[in-house]
């Protein structure tokens, strides 16, 4: 079984889930910065388009859960969204600029070919292509690959059955991105033999984190990035939730 020391040697990547959401509202610049300060190697963010085609950081299809406004993002212009949220929902361009140099994992909920082209184009215009990678299901990742032949992709995969070779050949992912409960040593070994890295989401207990490390996960996405960072870089923590 792999220990924490060996995990650190193989460089398990700690990914902050939507920033540092247990402390600061998710998908905001302060939340991203907090995750990086607390030890994240990368931060996962969610990107959708406003009605006028501006990529912004929002997981849900409306700002209701986080901001209390029950209006679809697809019906709001960027200016209207700013007015409703006090300007606290950053555009992708603002986020890339605010954390220049930081590695970001862009999730694309509700992606369309048009939205993917817009997001990939914004990343390119900001000179951030080398520090950004993308995650979502196969359809969205096929669109990313069509928009950028060199994009780094973590294709979200929700079953134990491996992706078809033709799909892998078309998407050319670097990572397969699994729900953490699916991760086993057999699965990681198989993917490593196939030249793929394994990322896992979203593990929030020390027990789950340790299990993923022991089973060979290369990246772990968590809402408690400080806890994960401590496991990867410090002395073993007490066995607790």
Foldseek 3Di string as FASTA:
>chain_A
DDALAVLLVLAFFEEEEQAQPVVDPGQFLVRNVNLVVLFGQEYEFEWDAALVGFIWTDDDQDCCVPQNDPDGRNDGHPVRVCVSRVNGTGTPLVNCVSPPPGAYEYEYPPDDLSNLLSVVVSCVVSVNQVRYAYEDALVSLLSNCVNPVPGAYAYEDEDLDDDDPVSCVSNVHQHHEYALVSQALVSQVVQVVVNHAYEYDEDEAPVSLRRCSVSRHRYYYYSCSSVNSCSNPHDHDPHDD
